[in-house]
Every structure is written in structure tokens, then in C-alpha cells.
Amino acid sequence: MSYADERVAAETGRAVMALYRAGMQVRLVPDAMHGRAEARIVPGPTAKRRTRVPRSSTGRGETPLAAIHAAVERLNERAGAILVHLD
């Protein structure tokens, strides 16, 4: 495993833990045969106790991290969040 692979794995773990702390569950489906991945973010048991439950969202990408990123962006768009992209 190269340094870049380790960085991607660490970043994926951070993203999954942040979503878990927010009461969400992440379901990843990597497809190595076609070089794609799909992530589905659904409300977990603790999120269902809240007054307003966020809906699920799905994202696709070339890597699991890209799929999580796409799903989080879609979840934010549905929630009406205003995001500022920093370069």
C-alpha cells in the first residue's frame, strides 16, 4: 500500500466516522470489476428519534471516497445547505 492509498483510506474512515457521529449509516458497494463504487447514506436509529429525519441519498464515483463525497453533496443539496467550496 502506497502513501497515497493510506491517505485515501484514512480520509474515507474520517468521513464515515463523521457521518456515524451525526446518526447516519453509510452503505458502501465497491465494484472492482468495473472500477466504480456506490454509497448510500441512510438515517440510523438515533437520527430517527429526531423531529426532522433526513432522507437517504445515493452517490456514485470511481472510488468509495468519491461515492461518499457525491452522496454527501446530494444530501446537503436536499437539505438546502449553502456550501462554499474552498480551493
PDB file of N, CA and C in Angstrom:
ATOM      1  N   MET A   1       0.854  -1.174   0.000  1.00  0.00           N
ATOM      2  CA  MET A   1       0.000   0.000   0.000  1.00  0.00           C
ATOM      3  C   MET A   1       0.897   1.234   0.000  1.00  0.00           C
ATOM      4  N   SER A   2       0.652   2.122  -0.925  1.00  0.00           N
ATOM      5  CA  SER A   2       1.465   3.331  -1.030  1.00  0.00           C
ATOM      6  C   SER A   2       0.951   4.403  -0.068  1.00  0.00           C
ATOM      7  N   TYR A   3       1.700   5.464   0.035  1.00  0.00           N
ATOM      8  CA  TYR A   3       1.329   6.571   0.905  1.00  0.00           C
ATOM      9  C   TYR A   3       0.001   7.182   0.472  1.00  0.00           C
ATOM     10  N   ALA A   4      -0.202   7.321  -0.833  1.00  0.00           N
ATOM     11  CA  ALA A   4      -1.455   7.901  -1.335  1.00  0.00           C
ATOM     12  C   ALA A   4      -2.641   7.003  -0.992  1.00  0.00           C
ATOM     13  N   ASP A   5      -2.459   5.692  -1.086  1.00  0.00           N
ATOM     14  CA  ASP A   5      -3.535   4.770  -0.721  1.00  0.00           C
ATOM     15  C   ASP A   5      -3.872   4.879   0.763  1.00  0.00           C
ATOM     16  N   GLU A   6      -2.846   5.032   1.581  1.00  0.00           N
ATOM     17  CA  GLU A   6      -3.074   5.193   3.021  1.00  0.00           C
ATOM     18  C   GLU A   6      -3.837   6.471   3.321  1.00  0.00           C
ATOM     19  N   ARG A   7      -3.503   7.550   2.607  1.00  0.00           N
ATOM     20  CA  ARG A   7      -4.203   8.827   2.806  1.00  0.00           C
ATOM     21  C   ARG A   7      -5.673   8.721   2.424  1.00  0.00           C
ATOM     22  N   VAL A   8      -5.956   8.059   1.300  1.00  0.00           N
ATOM     23  CA  VAL A   8      -7.348   7.887   0.859  1.00  0.00           C
ATOM     24  C   VAL A   8      -8.114   7.036   1.863  1.00  0.00           C
ATOM     25  N   ALA A   9      -7.495   5.980   2.365  1.00  0.00           N
ATOM     26  CA  ALA A   9      -8.156   5.120   3.348  1.00  0.00           C
ATOM     27  C   ALA A   9      -8.431   5.883   4.644  1.00  0.00           C
ATOM     28  N   ALA A  10      -7.492   6.700   5.079  1.00  0.00           N
ATOM     29  CA  ALA A  10      -7.687   7.493   6.291  1.00  0.00           C
ATOM     30  C   ALA A  10      -8.802   8.517   6.099  1.00  0.00           C
ATOM     31  N   GLU A  11      -8.838   9.165   4.951  1.00  0.00           N
ATOM     32  CA  GLU A  11      -9.881  10.161   4.681  1.00  0.00           C
ATOM     33  C   GLU A  11     -11.260   9.506   4.589  1.00  0.00           C
ATOM     34  N   THR A  12     -11.331   8.322   3.986  1.00  0.00           N
ATOM     35  CA  THR A  12     -12.597   7.593   3.913  1.00  0.00           C
ATOM     36  C   THR A  12     -13.078   7.242   5.313  1.00  0.00           C
ATOM     37  N   GLY A  13     -12.167   6.793   6.159  1.00  0.00           N
ATOM     38  CA  GLY A  13     -12.523   6.470   7.543  1.00  0.00           C
ATOM     39  C   GLY A  13     -13.017   7.683   8.298  1.00  0.00           C
ATOM     40  N   ARG A  14     -12.384   8.829   8.108  1.00  0.00           N
ATOM     41  CA  ARG A  14     -12.841  10.060   8.770  1.00  0.00           C
ATOM     42  C   ARG A  14     -14.239  10.453   8.321  1.00  0.00           C
ATOM     43  N   ALA A  15     -14.499  10.326   7.023  1.00  0.00           N
ATOM     44  CA  ALA A  15     -15.820  10.690   6.501  1.00  0.00           C
ATOM     45  C   ALA A  15     -16.896   9.767   7.053  1.00  0.00           C
ATOM     46  N   VAL A  16     -16.612   8.475   7.108  1.00  0.00           N
ATOM     47  CA  VAL A  16     -17.594   7.519   7.626  1.00  0.00           C
ATOM     48  C   VAL A  16     -17.847   7.764   9.109  1.00  0.00           C
ATOM     49  N   MET A  17     -16.800   8.049   9.888  1.00  0.00           N
ATOM     50  CA  MET A  17     -16.972   8.308  11.319  1.00  0.00           C
ATOM     51  C   MET A  17     -17.754   9.601  11.570  1.00  0.00           C
ATOM     52  N   ALA A  18     -17.531  10.631  10.765  1.00  0.00           N
ATOM     53  CA  ALA A  18     -18.282  11.880  10.926  1.00  0.00           C
ATOM     54  C   ALA A  18     -19.765  11.653  10.650  1.00  0.00           C
ATOM     55  N   LEU A  19     -20.073  10.880   9.632  1.00  0.00           N
ATOM     56  CA  LEU A  19     -21.476  10.576   9.341  1.00  0.00           C
ATOM     57  C   LEU A  19     -22.085   9.710  10.435  1.00  0.00           C
ATOM     58  N   TYR A  20     -21.316   8.769  10.966  1.00  0.00           N
ATOM     59  CA  TYR A  20     -21.797   7.903  12.053  1.00  0.00           C
ATOM     60  C   TYR A  20     -22.112   8.733  13.291  1.00  0.00           C
ATOM     61  N   ARG A  21     -21.247   9.703  13.614  1.00  0.00           N
ATOM     62  CA  ARG A  21     -21.487  10.563  14.778  1.00  0.00           C
ATOM     63  C   ARG A  21     -22.729  11.431  14.583  1.00  0.00           C
ATOM     64  N   ALA A  22     -23.062  11.721  13.333  1.00  0.00           N
ATOM     65  CA  ALA A  22     -24.258  12.518  13.042  1.00  0.00           C
ATOM     66  C   ALA A  22     -25.528  11.663  13.045  1.00  0.00           C
ATOM     67  N   GLY A  23     -25.388  10.367  13.329  1.00  0.00           N
ATOM     68  CA  GLY A  23     -26.550   9.490  13.382  1.00  0.00           C
ATOM     69  C   GLY A  23     -26.925   8.872  12.054  1.00  0.00           C
ATOM     70  N   MET A  24     -26.012   8.882  11.110  1.00  0.00           N
ATOM     71  CA  MET A  24     -26.282   8.333   9.785  1.00  0.00           C
ATOM     72  C   MET A  24     -25.527   7.017   9.604  1.00  0.00           C
ATOM     73  N   GLN A  25     -26.038   6.177   8.721  1.00  0.00           N
ATOM     74  CA  GLN A  25     -25.360   4.939   8.364  1.00  0.00           C
ATOM     75  C   GLN A  25     -24.907   5.036   6.917  1.00  0.00           C
ATOM     76  N   VAL A  26     -23.725   4.516   6.635  1.00  0.00           N
ATOM     77  CA  VAL A  26     -23.169   4.550   5.285  1.00  0.00           C
ATOM     78  C   VAL A  26     -23.060   3.118   4.781  1.00  0.00           C
ATOM     79  N   ARG A  27     -23.632   2.882   3.623  1.00  0.00           N
ATOM     80  CA  ARG A  27     -23.541   1.568   2.988  1.00  0.00           C
ATOM     81  C   ARG A  27     -22.742   1.731   1.702  1.00  0.00           C
ATOM     82  N   LEU A  28     -21.577   1.095   1.663  1.00  0.00           N
ATOM     83  CA  LEU A  28     -20.693   1.178   0.506  1.00  0.00           C
ATOM     84  C   LEU A  28     -20.754  -0.110  -0.302  1.00  0.00           C
ATOM     85  N   VAL A  29     -20.838   0.047  -1.610  1.00  0.00           N
ATOM     86  CA  VAL A  29     -20.829  -1.100  -2.514  1.00  0.00           C
ATOM     87  C   VAL A  29     -19.747  -0.857  -3.564  1.00  0.00           C
ATOM     88  N   PRO A  30     -18.514  -1.351  -3.311  1.00  0.00           N
ATOM     89  CA  PRO A  30     -17.476  -1.195  -4.323  1.00  0.00           C
ATOM     90  C   PRO A  30     -17.632  -2.235  -5.428  1.00  0.00           C
ATOM     91  N   ASP A  31     -17.411  -1.828  -6.655  1.00  0.00           N
ATOM     92  CA  ASP A  31     -17.483  -2.729  -7.809  1.00  0.00           C
ATOM     93  C   ASP A  31     -16.122  -2.693  -8.498  1.00  0.00           C
ATOM     94  N   ALA A  32     -15.224  -3.587  -8.070  1.00  0.00           N
ATOM     95  CA  ALA A  32     -13.861  -3.583  -8.596  1.00  0.00           C
ATOM     96  C   ALA A  32     -13.799  -4.021 -10.055  1.00  0.00           C
ATOM     97  N   MET A  33     -14.753  -4.805 -10.485  1.00  0.00           N
ATOM     98  CA  MET A  33     -14.744  -5.278 -11.869  1.00  0.00           C
ATOM     99  C   MET A  33     -14.917  -4.131 -12.865  1.00  0.00           C
ATOM    100  N   HIS A  34     -15.721  -3.142 -12.484  1.00  0.00           N
ATOM    101  CA  HIS A  34     -15.996  -2.027 -13.389  1.00  0.00           C
ATOM    102  C   HIS A  34     -15.332  -0.728 -12.937  1.00  0.00           C
ATOM    103  N   GLY A  35     -14.619  -0.746 -11.820  1.00  0.00           N
ATOM    104  CA  GLY A  35     -13.924   0.444 -11.349  1.00  0.00           C
ATOM    105  C   GLY A  35     -14.854   1.520 -10.837  1.00  0.00           C
ATOM    106  N   ARG A  36     -15.934   1.123 -10.198  1.00  0.00           N
ATOM    107  CA  ARG A  36     -16.911   2.076  -9.665  1.00  0.00           C
ATOM    108  C   ARG A  36     -17.226   1.731  -8.221  1.00  0.00           C
ATOM    109  N   ALA A  37     -17.889   2.656  -7.540  1.00  0.00           N
ATOM    110  CA  ALA A  37     -18.361   2.432  -6.187  1.00  0.00           C
ATOM    111  C   ALA A  37     -19.661   3.197  -6.003  1.00  0.00           C
ATOM    112  N   GLU A  38     -20.493   2.705  -5.111  1.00  0.00           N
ATOM    113  CA  GLU A  38     -21.754   3.368  -4.800  1.00  0.00           C
ATOM    114  C   GLU A  38     -21.870   3.477  -3.294  1.00  0.00           C
ATOM    115  N   ALA A  39     -22.304   4.630  -2.822  1.00  0.00           N
ATOM    116  CA  ALA A  39     -22.501   4.864  -1.397  1.00  0.00           C
ATOM    117  C   ALA A  39     -23.939   5.307  -1.174  1.00  0.00           C
ATOM    118  N   ARG A  40     -24.540   4.762  -0.149  1.00  0.00           N
ATOM    119  CA  ARG A  40     -25.899   5.150   0.225  1.00  0.00           C
ATOM    120  C   ARG A  40     -25.864   5.573   1.686  1.00  0.00           C
ATOM    121  N   ILE A  41     -26.329   6.776   1.946  1.00  0.00           N
ATOM    122  CA  ILE A  41     -26.369   7.312   3.302  1.00  0.00           C
ATOM    123  C   ILE A  41     -27.819   7.293   3.753  1.00  0.00           C
ATOM    124  N   VAL A  42     -28.079   6.594   4.853  1.00  0.00           N
ATOM    125  CA  VAL A  42     -29.445   6.447   5.372  1.00  0.00           C
ATOM    126  C   VAL A  42     -29.453   6.878   6.830  1.00  0.00           C
ATOM    127  N   PRO A  43     -30.605   7.343   7.313  1.00  0.00           N
ATOM    128  CA  PRO A  43     -30.693   7.698   8.732  1.00  0.00           C
ATOM    129  C   PRO A  43     -30.552   6.456   9.606  1.00  0.00           C
ATOM    130  N   GLY A  44     -29.778   6.577  10.662  1.00  0.00           N
ATOM    131  CA  GLY A  44     -29.609   5.481  11.609  1.00  0.00           C
ATOM    132  C   GLY A  44     -30.673   5.533  12.682  1.00  0.00           C
ATOM    133  N   PRO A  45     -30.608   4.625  13.646  1.00  0.00           N
ATOM    134  CA  PRO A  45     -31.617   4.584  14.711  1.00  0.00           C
ATOM    135  C   PRO A  45     -31.662   5.860  15.536  1.00  0.00           C
ATOM    136  N   THR A  46     -30.517   6.504  15.794  1.00  0.00           N
ATOM    137  CA  THR A  46     -30.529   7.731  16.590  1.00  0.00           C
ATOM    138  C   THR A  46     -31.085   8.901  15.796  1.00  0.00           C
ATOM    139  N   ALA A  47     -30.918   8.912  14.489  1.00  0.00           N
ATOM    140  CA  ALA A  47     -31.456  10.001  13.666  1.00  0.00           C
ATOM    141  C   ALA A  47     -32.969   9.903  13.570  1.00  0.00           C
ATOM    142  N   LYS A  48     -33.502   8.699  13.691  1.00  0.00           N
ATOM    143  CA  LYS A  48     -34.953   8.537  13.583  1.00  0.00           C
ATOM    144  C   LYS A  48     -35.688   9.091  14.797  1.00  0.00           C
ATOM    145  N   ARG A  49     -34.984   9.300  15.896  1.00  0.00           N
ATOM    146  CA  ARG A  49     -35.613   9.863  17.093  1.00  0.00           C
ATOM    147  C   ARG A  49     -35.740  11.377  17.024  1.00  0.00           C
ATOM    148  N   ARG A  50     -35.054  11.985  16.090  1.00  0.00           N
ATOM    149  CA  ARG A  50     -35.102  13.442  15.952  1.00  0.00           C
ATOM    150  C   ARG A  50     -36.423  13.856  15.322  1.00  0.00           C
ATOM    151  N   THR A  51     -36.743  15.152  15.441  1.00  0.00           N
ATOM    152  CA  THR A  51     -38.008  15.645  14.905  1.00  0.00           C
ATOM    153  C   THR A  51     -38.043  15.604  13.382  1.00  0.00           C
ATOM    154  N   ARG A  52     -36.967  16.010  12.771  1.00  0.00           N
ATOM    155  CA  ARG A  52     -36.909  16.007  11.309  1.00  0.00           C
ATOM    156  C   ARG A  52     -35.835  15.022  10.863  1.00  0.00           C
ATOM    157  N   VAL A  53     -36.258  13.956  10.240  1.00  0.00           N
ATOM    158  CA  VAL A  53     -35.331  12.918   9.822  1.00  0.00           C
ATOM    159  C   VAL A  53     -34.865  13.205   8.399  1.00  0.00           C
ATOM    160  N   PRO A  54     -33.544  13.285   8.192  1.00  0.00           N
ATOM    161  CA  PRO A  54     -33.056  13.479   6.821  1.00  0.00           C
ATOM    162  C   PRO A  54     -33.308  12.233   5.976  1.00  0.00           C
ATOM    163  N   ARG A  55     -33.624  12.449   4.709  1.00  0.00           N
ATOM    164  CA  ARG A  55     -33.857  11.314   3.818  1.00  0.00           C
ATOM    165  C   ARG A  55     -32.529  10.715   3.389  1.00  0.00           C
ATOM    166  N   SER A  56     -32.630   9.564   2.777  1.00  0.00           N
ATOM    167  CA  SER A  56     -31.415   8.912   2.305  1.00  0.00           C
ATOM    168  C   SER A  56     -30.961   9.538   0.993  1.00  0.00           C
ATOM    169  N   SER A  57     -29.688   9.341   0.682  1.00  0.00           N
ATOM    170  CA  SER A  57     -29.151   9.821  -0.588  1.00  0.00           C
ATOM    171  C   SER A  57     -28.127   8.811  -1.095  1.00  0.00           C
ATOM    172  N   THR A  58     -27.973   8.792  -2.401  1.00  0.00           N
ATOM    173  CA  THR A  58     -27.067   7.863  -3.054  1.00  0.00           C
ATOM    174  C   THR A  58     -26.078   8.645  -3.900  1.00  0.00           C
ATOM    175  N   GLY A  59     -24.840   8.163  -3.920  1.00  0.00           N
ATOM    176  CA  GLY A  59     -23.816   8.774  -4.746  1.00  0.00           C
ATOM    177  C   GLY A  59     -22.971   7.710  -5.408  1.00  0.00           C
ATOM    178  N   ARG A  60     -22.472   8.029  -6.586  1.00  0.00           N
ATOM    179  CA  ARG A  60     -21.609   7.098  -7.328  1.00  0.00           C
ATOM    180  C   ARG A  60     -20.301   7.791  -7.666  1.00  0.00           C
ATOM    181  N   GLY A  61     -19.241   6.994  -7.708  1.00  0.00           N
ATOM    182  CA  GLY A  61     -17.940   7.538  -8.051  1.00  0.00           C
ATOM    183  C   GLY A  61     -16.981   6.436  -8.449  1.00  0.00           C
ATOM    184  N   GLU A  62     -15.782   6.837  -8.817  1.00  0.00           N
ATOM    185  CA  GLU A  62     -14.767   5.859  -9.216  1.00  0.00           C
ATOM    186  C   GLU A  62     -14.160   5.148  -8.017  1.00  0.00           C
ATOM    187  N   THR A  63     -14.175   5.796  -6.852  1.00  0.00           N
ATOM    188  CA  THR A  63     -13.643   5.209  -5.626  1.00  0.00           C
ATOM    189  C   THR A  63     -14.708   5.302  -4.535  1.00  0.00           C
ATOM    190  N   PRO A  64     -14.576   4.542  -3.453  1.00  0.00           N
ATOM    191  CA  PRO A  64     -15.533   4.682  -2.351  1.00  0.00           C
ATOM    192  C   PRO A  64     -15.565   6.092  -1.766  1.00  0.00           C
ATOM    193  N   LEU A  65     -14.405   6.753  -1.680  1.00  0.00           N
ATOM    194  CA  LEU A  65     -14.372   8.117  -1.164  1.00  0.00           C
ATOM    195  C   LEU A  65     -15.123   9.069  -2.076  1.00  0.00           C
ATOM    196  N   ALA A  66     -14.971   8.927  -3.385  1.00  0.00           N
ATOM    197  CA  ALA A  66     -15.703   9.771  -4.336  1.00  0.00           C
ATOM    198  C   ALA A  66     -17.207   9.512  -4.250  1.00  0.00           C
ATOM    199  N   ALA A  67     -17.595   8.271  -4.016  1.00  0.00           N
ATOM    200  CA  ALA A  67     -19.012   7.939  -3.886  1.00  0.00           C
ATOM    201  C   ALA A  67     -19.598   8.563  -2.616  1.00  0.00           C
ATOM    202  N   ILE A  68     -18.851   8.507  -1.504  1.00  0.00           N
ATOM    203  CA  ILE A  68     -19.310   9.142  -0.265  1.00  0.00           C
ATOM    204  C   ILE A  68     -19.428  10.641  -0.462  1.00  0.00           C
ATOM    205  N   HIS A  69     -18.453  11.234  -1.130  1.00  0.00           N
ATOM    206  CA  HIS A  69     -18.471  12.678  -1.389  1.00  0.00           C
ATOM    207  C   HIS A  69     -19.708  13.069  -2.204  1.00  0.00           C
ATOM    208  N   ALA A  70     -20.022  12.295  -3.233  1.00  0.00           N
ATOM    209  CA  ALA A  70     -21.199  12.587  -4.063  1.00  0.00           C
ATOM    210  C   ALA A  70     -22.485  12.439  -3.262  1.00  0.00           C
ATOM    211  N   ALA A  71     -22.554  11.425  -2.399  1.00  0.00           N
ATOM    212  CA  ALA A  71     -23.762  11.224  -1.591  1.00  0.00           C
ATOM    213  C   ALA A  71     -23.943  12.341  -0.568  1.00  0.00           C
ATOM    214  N   VAL A  72     -22.846  12.803   0.036  1.00  0.00           N
ATOM    215  CA  VAL A  72     -22.933  13.902   1.000  1.00  0.00           C
ATOM    216  C   VAL A  72     -23.344  15.194   0.304  1.00  0.00           C
ATOM    217  N   GLU A  73     -22.806  15.448  -0.886  1.00  0.00           N
ATOM    218  CA  GLU A  73     -23.217  16.643  -1.636  1.00  0.00           C
ATOM    219  C   GLU A  73     -24.701  16.606  -1.959  1.00  0.00           C
ATOM    220  N   ARG A  74     -25.195  15.448  -2.360  1.00  0.00           N
ATOM    221  CA  ARG A  74     -26.617  15.318  -2.678  1.00  0.00           C
ATOM    222  C   ARG A  74     -27.479  15.494  -1.429  1.00  0.00           C
ATOM    223  N   LEU A  75     -27.017  14.963  -0.294  1.00  0.00           N
ATOM    224  CA  LEU A  75     -27.739  15.119   0.967  1.00  0.00           C
ATOM    225  C   LEU A  75     -27.804  16.587   1.373  1.00  0.00           C
ATOM    226  N   ASN A  76     -26.697  17.319   1.187  1.00  0.00           N
ATOM    227  CA  ASN A  76     -26.664  18.745   1.505  1.00  0.00           C
ATOM    228  C   ASN A  76     -27.573  19.547   0.579  1.00  0.00           C
ATOM    229  N   GLU A  77     -27.610  19.190  -0.699  1.00  0.00           N
ATOM    230  CA  GLU A  77     -28.491  19.886  -1.635  1.00  0.00           C
ATOM    231  C   GLU A  77     -29.952  19.701  -1.242  1.00  0.00           C
ATOM    232  N   ARG A  78     -30.319  18.488  -0.846  1.00  0.00           N
ATOM    233  CA  ARG A  78     -31.700  18.232  -0.431  1.00  0.00           C
ATOM    234  C   ARG A  78     -32.060  18.993   0.837  1.00  0.00           C
ATOM    235  N   ALA A  79     -31.080  19.168   1.728  1.00  0.00           N
ATOM    236  CA  ALA A  79     -31.334  19.872   2.978  1.00  0.00           C
ATOM    237  C   ALA A  79     -31.351  21.383   2.786  1.00  0.00           C
ATOM    238  N   GLY A  80     -30.922  21.850   1.629  1.00  0.00           N
ATOM    239  CA  GLY A  80     -30.900  23.292   1.366  1.00  0.00           C
ATOM    240  C   GLY A  80     -29.678  23.977   1.949  1.00  0.00           C
ATOM    241  N   ALA A  81     -28.628  23.229   2.203  1.00  0.00           N
ATOM    242  CA  ALA A  81     -27.412  23.808   2.768  1.00  0.00           C
ATOM    243  C   ALA A  81     -26.689  24.646   1.718  1.00  0.00           C
ATOM    244  N   ILE A  82     -26.123  25.730   2.166  1.00  0.00           N
ATOM    245  CA  ILE A  82     -25.328  26.593   1.292  1.00  0.00           C
ATOM    246  C   ILE A  82     -23.871  26.272   1.560  1.00  0.00           C
ATOM    247  N   LEU A  83     -23.193  25.763   0.543  1.00  0.00           N
ATOM    248  CA  LEU A  83     -21.805  25.357   0.689  1.00  0.00           C
ATOM    249  C   LEU A  83     -20.884  26.267  -0.099  1.00  0.00           C
ATOM    250  N   VAL A  84     -19.744  26.554   0.466  1.00  0.00           N
ATOM    251  CA  VAL A  84     -18.728  27.338  -0.209  1.00  0.00           C
ATOM    252  C   VAL A  84     -17.534  26.427  -0.427  1.00  0.00           C
ATOM    253  N   HIS A  85     -17.153  26.209  -1.662  1.00  0.00           N
ATOM    254  CA  HIS A  85     -16.023  25.348  -1.986  1.00  0.00           C
ATOM    255  C   HIS A  85     -14.735  26.141  -1.896  1.00  0.00           C
ATOM    256  N   LEU A  86     -13.810  25.650  -1.108  1.00  0.00           N
ATOM    257  CA  LEU A  86     -12.508  26.292  -0.948  1.00  0.00           C
ATOM    258  C   LEU A  86     -11.478  25.514  -1.732  1.00  0.00           C
ATOM    259  N   ASP A  87     -10.661  26.212  -2.471  1.00  0.00           N
ATOM    260  CA  ASP A  87      -9.605  25.559  -3.242  1.00  0.00           C
ATOM    261  C   ASP A  87      -8.268  25.727  -2.600  1.00  0.00           C
TER     262      ASP A  87
END
